Amino acid sequence: MKAWIIDRIAKIELDSTPLSMTDLPTPEPREDQVLIKVEACGVCHTEIDEIEGRAAPPTLPMVPGHQVVGRVVERGGMAKRYQIGDRVGVAWIYESCGECEYCVRGLENLCPSFRATGRDAHGGYAEYMVVREKFAYPIPVQIDSYAAAPLLCAGAIGYRSLRLTQLQNGMRLGLTGFGASAHLVLLMTKALYPESEIYVFSRSESEQEFARQLGAVWAGAIDDTAPQPLHAIIDTTPVWKPVLEALRNLSAGGRLVINAIRKETIDRNLLVELDYPSQLWLEKEIKSVANVTRQDVEGCLQLIAQENICPEYQLYAFDQANQAIIDLRNRKIKGAKVLKVLER
């Protein structure tokens, strides 16, 4: 099968080729696994973190991609959940142990044995992949495969982040950064909390305008001051300065949720810029997001289907995977990016 692989850790440049195309044996499903013929795979900033070493795969080469949609074409001997031809998705959570204290408490995202799709096991930048059937998700018929792909990470992690804000209808929500995840959070917030106002902070004027088009009541630069203090903010950026700016825009008792698997190297000068009275006092909170659970993925898919929400996405041919990565690295973003693995 054809597959894109990460075979080295290196900084992504405009003229670089961060991924290499190769031929790999088509995997065979074992026991409770299913073999999926991949139709689409979302492109995520985490792939950049993997390539550049901030979230490097433990072994190389590795097939990246953790927002996978395709059809079941073969089953292991113990796999009974899906029929041949069923359309399923695979998310960042490739598997967890199911037995530790975190898994038992419904926090499988914190499992010490957590394995990530496309980092710890081959993912969806390939014509085929295998996964245990309980870590595959039925895709609602209302959702197109290309639209479904970004829901499996950008949507699911956004859904978890929104839950962690503890937002109530009518409270004001801020979004820092406005890429794949944040634009889906905005749409989900409008569906779940119709009386809540949404404020967006982005360094890109085009992203600010896109946010207004989707229903944000205000959009400004990262270091702007919102017209009103915000009850909660979700930060989706890969850098540190927006965290400090977000804390300044929080109301008393507000909560900042950091939706990022990694932050880029911290500028030590920022450490002295934290102003405790204005940025952290008055019982403001900071909450990080770690991975996703199966419940997050299922909840996101159900909400998107129920509310008929359509993600904004840009399609790339399978042979354009490097270009998609470079465009994402250089902030050429409007919604999500999706690889067309199987032409239809």
Protein backbone atom coordinates (compact mmCIF):
# COMPACT_ATOMS: atom_id res chain seq x y z
CA MET A 1 0.00 0.00 0.00
CA LYS A 2 1.01 3.62 -0.50
CA ALA A 3 1.71 5.55 2.70
CA TRP A 4 3.30 8.77 3.88
CA ILE A 5 5.81 8.34 6.69
CA ILE A 6 7.76 10.45 9.16
CA ASP A 7 11.29 9.09 8.81
CA ARG A 8 13.28 11.88 10.45
CA ILE A 9 12.84 14.69 12.98
CA ALA A 10 13.44 18.08 11.37
CA LYS A 11 12.14 21.63 11.28
CA ILE A 12 9.57 22.23 8.56
CA GLU A 13 10.65 24.82 6.00
CA LEU A 14 8.83 26.26 2.99
CA ASP A 15 10.87 24.17 0.57
CA SER A 16 11.15 21.04 2.72
CA THR A 17 9.56 17.61 2.33
CA PRO A 18 8.67 16.68 5.92
CA LEU A 19 7.00 13.40 4.89
CA SER A 20 8.24 10.65 2.57
CA MET A 21 6.04 8.50 0.33
CA THR A 22 6.74 4.77 0.50
CA ASP A 23 5.23 1.33 -0.10
CA LEU A 24 4.34 -0.67 3.01
CA PRO A 25 2.71 -4.08 3.38
CA THR A 26 -1.04 -3.83 3.84
CA PRO A 27 -1.64 -4.61 7.54
CA GLU A 28 -3.62 -7.68 8.53
CA PRO A 29 -6.28 -7.37 11.25
CA ARG A 30 -5.77 -9.61 14.26
CA GLU A 31 -8.19 -10.75 16.96
CA ASP A 32 -10.52 -7.78 17.61
CA GLN A 33 -9.03 -5.50 14.96
CA VAL A 34 -10.61 -4.23 11.75
CA LEU A 35 -8.82 -3.31 8.53
CA ILE A 36 -9.96 0.05 7.20
CA LYS A 37 -9.61 1.24 3.60
CA VAL A 38 -9.00 4.94 4.20
CA GLU A 39 -11.11 7.52 2.36
CA ALA A 40 -10.01 10.71 4.12
CA CYS A 41 -7.65 11.85 6.84
CA GLY A 42 -7.58 15.23 8.54
CA VAL A 43 -4.33 17.19 8.80
CA CYS A 44 -3.59 18.34 12.36
CA HIS A 45 -1.03 20.62 14.03
CA THR A 46 0.01 17.61 16.08
CA GLU A 47 1.58 16.19 12.92
CA ILE A 48 3.82 19.27 12.92
CA ASP A 49 4.73 18.59 16.57
CA GLU A 50 5.59 15.01 15.66
CA ILE A 51 7.75 15.98 12.68
CA GLU A 52 9.59 18.73 14.55
CA GLY A 53 10.14 16.62 17.65
CA ARG A 54 7.89 18.19 20.30
CA ALA A 55 5.70 15.07 20.24
CA ALA A 56 8.04 12.74 18.39
CA PRO A 57 6.95 9.16 17.70
CA PRO A 58 8.84 6.69 19.91
CA THR A 59 9.98 4.79 16.79
CA LEU A 60 10.53 5.76 13.17
CA PRO A 61 9.34 5.45 10.51
CA MET A 62 5.76 6.24 11.51
CA VAL A 63 2.64 6.78 9.40
CA PRO A 64 0.99 9.91 10.86
CA GLY A 65 -2.68 10.88 10.81
CA HIS A 66 -5.28 10.52 13.53
CA GLN A 67 -8.48 11.88 11.94
CA VAL A 68 -9.28 8.88 9.79
CA VAL A 69 -12.47 7.95 7.92
CA GLY A 70 -12.85 4.82 5.81
CA ARG A 71 -14.64 1.53 5.23
CA VAL A 72 -14.16 -1.79 7.03
CA VAL A 73 -12.82 -4.26 4.46
CA GLU A 74 -11.61 -7.09 6.69
CA ARG A 75 -12.07 -8.24 10.29
CA GLY A 76 -10.00 -10.19 12.80
CA GLY A 77 -11.40 -13.43 14.15
CA MET A 78 -12.84 -11.81 17.30
CA ALA A 79 -14.16 -8.63 15.64
CA LYS A 80 -17.98 -8.59 15.55
CA ARG A 81 -19.01 -4.96 16.00
CA TYR A 82 -18.84 -3.88 12.36
CA GLN A 83 -19.84 -5.43 9.06
CA ILE A 84 -17.73 -5.34 5.91
CA GLY A 85 -18.47 -2.04 4.17
CA ASP A 86 -19.38 -0.10 7.33
CA ARG A 87 -18.00 3.44 7.42
CA VAL A 88 -16.00 4.19 10.56
CA GLY A 89 -13.65 6.78 11.99
CA VAL A 90 -10.45 6.54 14.05
CA ALA A 91 -9.38 9.31 16.43
CA TRP A 92 -6.26 10.27 18.40
CA ILE A 93 -7.00 7.60 21.02
CA TYR A 94 -5.69 4.40 19.41
CA GLU A 95 -6.09 2.38 22.59
CA SER A 96 -5.88 2.44 26.39
CA CYS A 97 -5.49 -0.39 28.90
CA GLY A 98 -9.08 -0.36 30.20
CA GLU A 99 -7.97 -1.50 33.66
CA CYS A 100 -6.02 1.28 35.40
CA GLU A 101 -7.58 3.73 37.87
CA TYR A 102 -8.02 6.35 35.15
CA CYS A 103 -9.73 4.03 32.69
CA VAL A 104 -12.04 2.75 35.43
CA ARG A 105 -12.99 6.36 36.27
CA GLY A 106 -13.78 7.17 32.64
CA LEU A 107 -10.52 9.09 32.19
CA GLU A 108 -8.91 6.81 29.63
CA ASN A 109 -7.27 9.89 28.12
CA LEU A 110 -4.96 9.88 31.18
CA CYS A 111 -4.15 6.17 31.01
CA PRO A 112 -0.39 5.53 31.46
CA SER A 113 -0.66 3.03 28.58
CA PHE A 114 -2.47 5.48 26.28
CA ARG A 115 -1.37 5.01 22.67
CA ALA A 116 -1.99 7.67 20.05
CA THR A 117 -2.95 7.03 16.44
CA GLY A 118 -0.27 8.20 14.05
CA ARG A 119 2.31 8.59 16.82
CA ASP A 120 2.46 5.27 18.69
CA ALA A 121 0.80 3.21 15.93
CA HIS A 122 0.51 3.74 12.19
CA GLY A 123 -2.27 6.16 11.27
CA GLY A 124 -4.31 7.36 8.34
CA TYR A 125 -1.85 8.93 5.89
CA ALA A 126 -2.06 5.59 4.11
CA GLU A 127 -4.38 3.56 1.95
CA TYR A 128 -5.14 1.14 4.81
CA MET A 129 -4.83 0.98 8.59
CA VAL A 130 -5.84 -1.37 11.41
CA VAL A 131 -7.36 -0.58 14.81
CA ARG A 132 -9.19 -2.48 17.55
CA GLU A 133 -12.88 -2.31 16.77
CA LYS A 134 -13.84 -0.65 20.07
CA PHE A 135 -11.62 2.30 19.14
CA ALA A 136 -13.42 2.81 15.83
CA TYR A 137 -16.59 4.91 15.62
CA PRO A 138 -19.60 4.65 13.33
CA ILE A 139 -19.88 7.81 11.21
CA PRO A 140 -23.46 9.16 11.13
CA VAL A 141 -25.00 8.99 7.66
CA GLN A 142 -25.66 12.75 7.78
CA ILE A 143 -21.94 13.54 7.76
CA ASP A 144 -19.82 13.37 4.61
CA SER A 145 -16.49 11.54 4.97
CA TYR A 146 -14.44 14.67 4.26
CA ALA A 147 -16.44 16.68 6.80
CA ALA A 148 -16.21 13.85 9.33
CA ALA A 149 -12.41 13.65 9.31
CA PRO A 150 -11.66 16.86 11.29
CA LEU A 151 -14.35 15.94 13.82
CA LEU A 152 -12.20 13.03 15.03
CA CYS A 153 -9.60 15.33 16.62
CA ALA A 154 -10.29 19.02 16.07
CA GLY A 155 -13.95 18.44 16.84
CA ALA A 156 -13.54 15.89 19.63
CA ILE A 157 -10.81 17.81 21.47
CA GLY A 158 -12.84 20.99 21.00
CA TYR A 159 -15.88 19.21 22.43
CA ARG A 160 -13.85 18.12 25.46
CA SER A 161 -12.41 21.62 25.88
CA LEU A 162 -15.87 23.16 25.78
CA ARG A 163 -17.09 20.74 28.46
CA LEU A 164 -14.08 21.58 30.63
CA THR A 165 -14.86 25.32 30.54
CA GLN A 166 -18.01 24.57 32.60
CA LEU A 167 -19.77 27.18 30.47
CA GLN A 168 -23.43 27.84 31.13
CA ASN A 169 -25.90 29.31 28.68
CA GLY A 170 -25.50 33.09 28.61
CA MET A 171 -21.87 33.10 29.77
CA ARG A 172 -19.28 34.76 27.52
CA LEU A 173 -16.70 32.49 25.84
CA GLY A 174 -13.40 33.53 24.31
CA LEU A 175 -11.45 31.57 21.69
CA THR A 176 -7.74 32.27 21.24
CA GLY A 177 -6.54 31.15 17.82
CA PHE A 178 -9.06 30.26 15.14
CA GLY A 179 -8.09 27.14 13.23
CA ALA A 180 -9.75 23.76 12.82
CA SER A 181 -10.65 23.14 16.46
CA ALA A 182 -11.70 26.67 17.43
CA HIS A 183 -14.06 27.13 14.48
CA LEU A 184 -15.79 23.88 15.44
CA VAL A 185 -16.00 25.00 19.09
CA LEU A 186 -17.71 28.20 17.94
CA LEU A 187 -20.31 26.21 15.98
CA MET A 188 -20.87 23.76 18.83
CA THR A 189 -21.20 26.59 21.35
CA LYS A 190 -23.85 28.29 19.26
CA ALA A 191 -25.81 25.02 19.20
CA LEU A 192 -25.44 24.14 22.88
CA TYR A 193 -25.46 27.62 24.44
CA PRO A 194 -27.45 29.88 22.08
CA GLU A 195 -27.46 32.83 24.51
CA SER A 196 -23.69 32.83 24.99
CA GLU A 197 -21.61 35.43 23.18
CA ILE A 198 -18.36 34.32 21.56
CA TYR A 199 -15.24 36.49 21.32
CA VAL A 200 -12.28 35.48 19.12
CA PHE A 201 -8.61 36.47 19.38
CA SER A 202 -6.39 35.81 16.36
CA ARG A 203 -3.28 37.33 14.86
CA SER A 204 -4.77 36.84 11.38
CA GLU A 205 -7.27 39.39 10.06
CA SER A 206 -8.70 36.77 7.71
CA GLU A 207 -9.33 34.43 10.65
CA GLN A 208 -10.97 37.30 12.55
CA GLU A 209 -13.29 37.94 9.63
CA PHE A 210 -14.04 34.22 9.31
CA ALA A 211 -14.97 34.15 13.00
CA ARG A 212 -17.40 37.04 12.53
CA GLN A 213 -18.96 35.26 9.57
CA LEU A 214 -19.59 32.22 11.76
CA GLY A 215 -21.25 34.28 14.48
CA ALA A 216 -18.60 35.72 16.80
CA VAL A 217 -19.87 38.99 18.31
CA TRP A 218 -16.31 40.38 18.36
CA ALA A 219 -12.93 39.42 16.91
CA GLY A 220 -9.58 41.09 17.49
CA ALA A 221 -5.86 40.55 17.79
CA ILE A 222 -4.24 38.25 20.36
CA ASP A 223 -3.19 41.17 22.58
CA ASP A 224 -6.46 43.12 22.27
CA THR A 225 -8.78 43.63 25.22
CA ALA A 226 -12.26 42.17 24.81
CA PRO A 227 -15.18 44.60 25.22
CA GLN A 228 -16.22 42.67 28.35
CA PRO A 229 -14.46 40.24 30.72
CA LEU A 230 -14.99 36.63 29.66
CA HIS A 231 -16.24 33.79 31.82
CA ALA A 232 -14.13 31.20 29.99
CA ILE A 233 -11.49 31.11 27.25
CA ILE A 234 -10.19 28.20 25.19
CA ASP A 235 -6.64 28.65 23.90
CA THR A 236 -5.81 26.61 20.77
CA THR A 237 -2.48 28.22 19.89
CA PRO A 238 0.92 26.45 19.90
CA VAL A 239 2.72 29.34 21.68
CA TRP A 240 2.78 30.91 25.16
CA LYS A 241 2.06 34.63 24.84
CA PRO A 242 -1.68 34.10 24.13
CA VAL A 243 -2.00 32.33 27.49
CA LEU A 244 -0.96 35.50 29.34
CA GLU A 245 -3.24 37.66 27.20
CA ALA A 246 -6.15 35.28 27.78
CA LEU A 247 -5.68 35.42 31.56
CA ARG A 248 -5.92 39.20 31.39
CA ASN A 249 -9.28 38.93 29.58
CA LEU A 250 -10.81 36.48 32.08
CA SER A 251 -13.40 37.65 34.58
CA ALA A 252 -13.06 36.86 38.28
CA GLY A 253 -13.48 33.13 38.80
CA GLY A 254 -13.00 32.54 35.06
CA ARG A 255 -11.38 29.45 33.58
CA LEU A 256 -8.77 29.21 30.84
CA VAL A 257 -8.66 25.84 29.06
CA ILE A 258 -5.47 25.17 27.09
CA ASN A 259 -6.31 22.96 24.11
CA ALA A 260 -2.85 22.01 22.84
CA ILE A 261 -0.87 18.79 23.08
CA ARG A 262 2.37 20.80 23.08
CA LYS A 263 3.47 24.41 23.32
CA GLU A 264 6.51 25.59 21.42
CA THR A 265 9.67 26.53 23.32
CA ILE A 266 8.85 29.16 25.92
CA ASP A 267 10.39 32.61 25.67
CA ARG A 268 11.89 33.02 29.13
CA ASN A 269 11.23 36.75 28.97
CA LEU A 270 7.51 35.98 29.17
CA LEU A 271 7.93 34.60 32.67
CA VAL A 272 8.55 38.06 34.09
CA GLU A 273 5.52 39.50 32.30
CA LEU A 274 2.95 37.63 34.39
CA ASP A 275 1.09 40.26 36.40
CA TYR A 276 -0.50 38.35 39.24
CA PRO A 277 -3.20 40.91 40.22
CA SER A 278 -4.61 41.30 36.71
CA GLN A 279 -3.88 37.90 35.19
CA LEU A 280 -4.20 35.22 37.87
CA TRP A 281 -5.70 36.67 41.04
CA LEU A 282 -9.45 36.56 41.87
CA GLU A 283 -9.58 32.75 41.62
CA LYS A 284 -8.92 32.48 37.92
CA GLU A 285 -8.13 28.93 36.80
CA ILE A 286 -5.95 27.26 34.18
CA LYS A 287 -6.96 23.81 32.95
CA SER A 288 -5.04 21.78 30.37
CA VAL A 289 -6.56 19.25 28.02
CA ALA A 290 -4.90 15.85 27.62
CA ASN A 291 -5.94 13.67 24.69
CA VAL A 292 -9.57 12.56 24.26
CA THR A 293 -11.79 9.74 25.44
CA ARG A 294 -14.07 7.63 23.27
CA GLN A 295 -16.97 9.44 24.91
CA ASP A 296 -15.66 12.76 23.57
CA VAL A 297 -15.49 11.41 20.02
CA GLU A 298 -18.95 9.86 20.18
CA GLY A 299 -20.46 13.00 21.76
CA CYS A 300 -18.95 15.25 19.12
CA LEU A 301 -20.18 13.09 16.22
CA GLN A 302 -23.68 12.92 17.67
CA LEU A 303 -23.86 16.68 18.24
CA ILE A 304 -22.60 17.53 14.75
CA ALA A 305 -25.13 15.16 13.17
CA GLN A 306 -28.01 16.29 15.38
CA GLU A 307 -27.42 20.00 14.80
CA ASN A 308 -26.49 19.61 11.12
CA ILE A 309 -23.21 21.46 11.68
CA CYS A 310 -20.91 21.58 8.67
CA PRO A 311 -17.18 22.08 9.32
CA GLU A 312 -15.23 24.35 7.03
CA TYR A 313 -12.46 22.36 5.35
CA GLN A 314 -9.95 22.49 2.51
CA LEU A 315 -9.25 19.36 0.48
CA TYR A 316 -5.80 18.20 -0.62
CA ALA A 317 -5.06 15.30 -2.94
CA PHE A 318 -3.24 12.39 -1.30
CA ASP A 319 -0.02 13.28 -3.11
CA GLN A 320 -0.21 16.82 -1.65
CA ALA A 321 0.33 15.76 1.96
CA ASN A 322 3.58 17.72 2.27
CA GLN A 323 1.95 20.85 0.91
CA ALA A 324 -0.90 20.51 3.41
CA ILE A 325 1.61 20.25 6.28
CA ILE A 326 3.61 23.26 5.04
CA ASP A 327 0.45 25.35 4.57
CA LEU A 328 -0.66 24.52 8.09
CA ARG A 329 2.80 25.31 9.48
CA ASN A 330 2.65 28.71 7.79
CA ARG A 331 -0.84 29.56 9.08
CA LYS A 332 -2.63 29.24 5.75
CA ILE A 333 -5.75 28.21 7.59
CA LYS A 334 -9.48 28.48 7.08
CA GLY A 335 -11.16 25.77 9.08
CA ALA A 336 -9.57 22.33 8.69
CA LYS A 337 -7.38 20.58 6.12
CA VAL A 338 -8.26 17.11 4.81
CA LEU A 339 -6.39 14.62 2.61
CA LYS A 340 -8.42 12.79 -0.03
CA VAL A 341 -6.80 9.39 0.40
CA LEU A 342 -9.29 7.54 -1.81
CA GLU A 343 -10.57 9.44 -4.86
CA ARG A 344 -14.33 9.16 -5.25
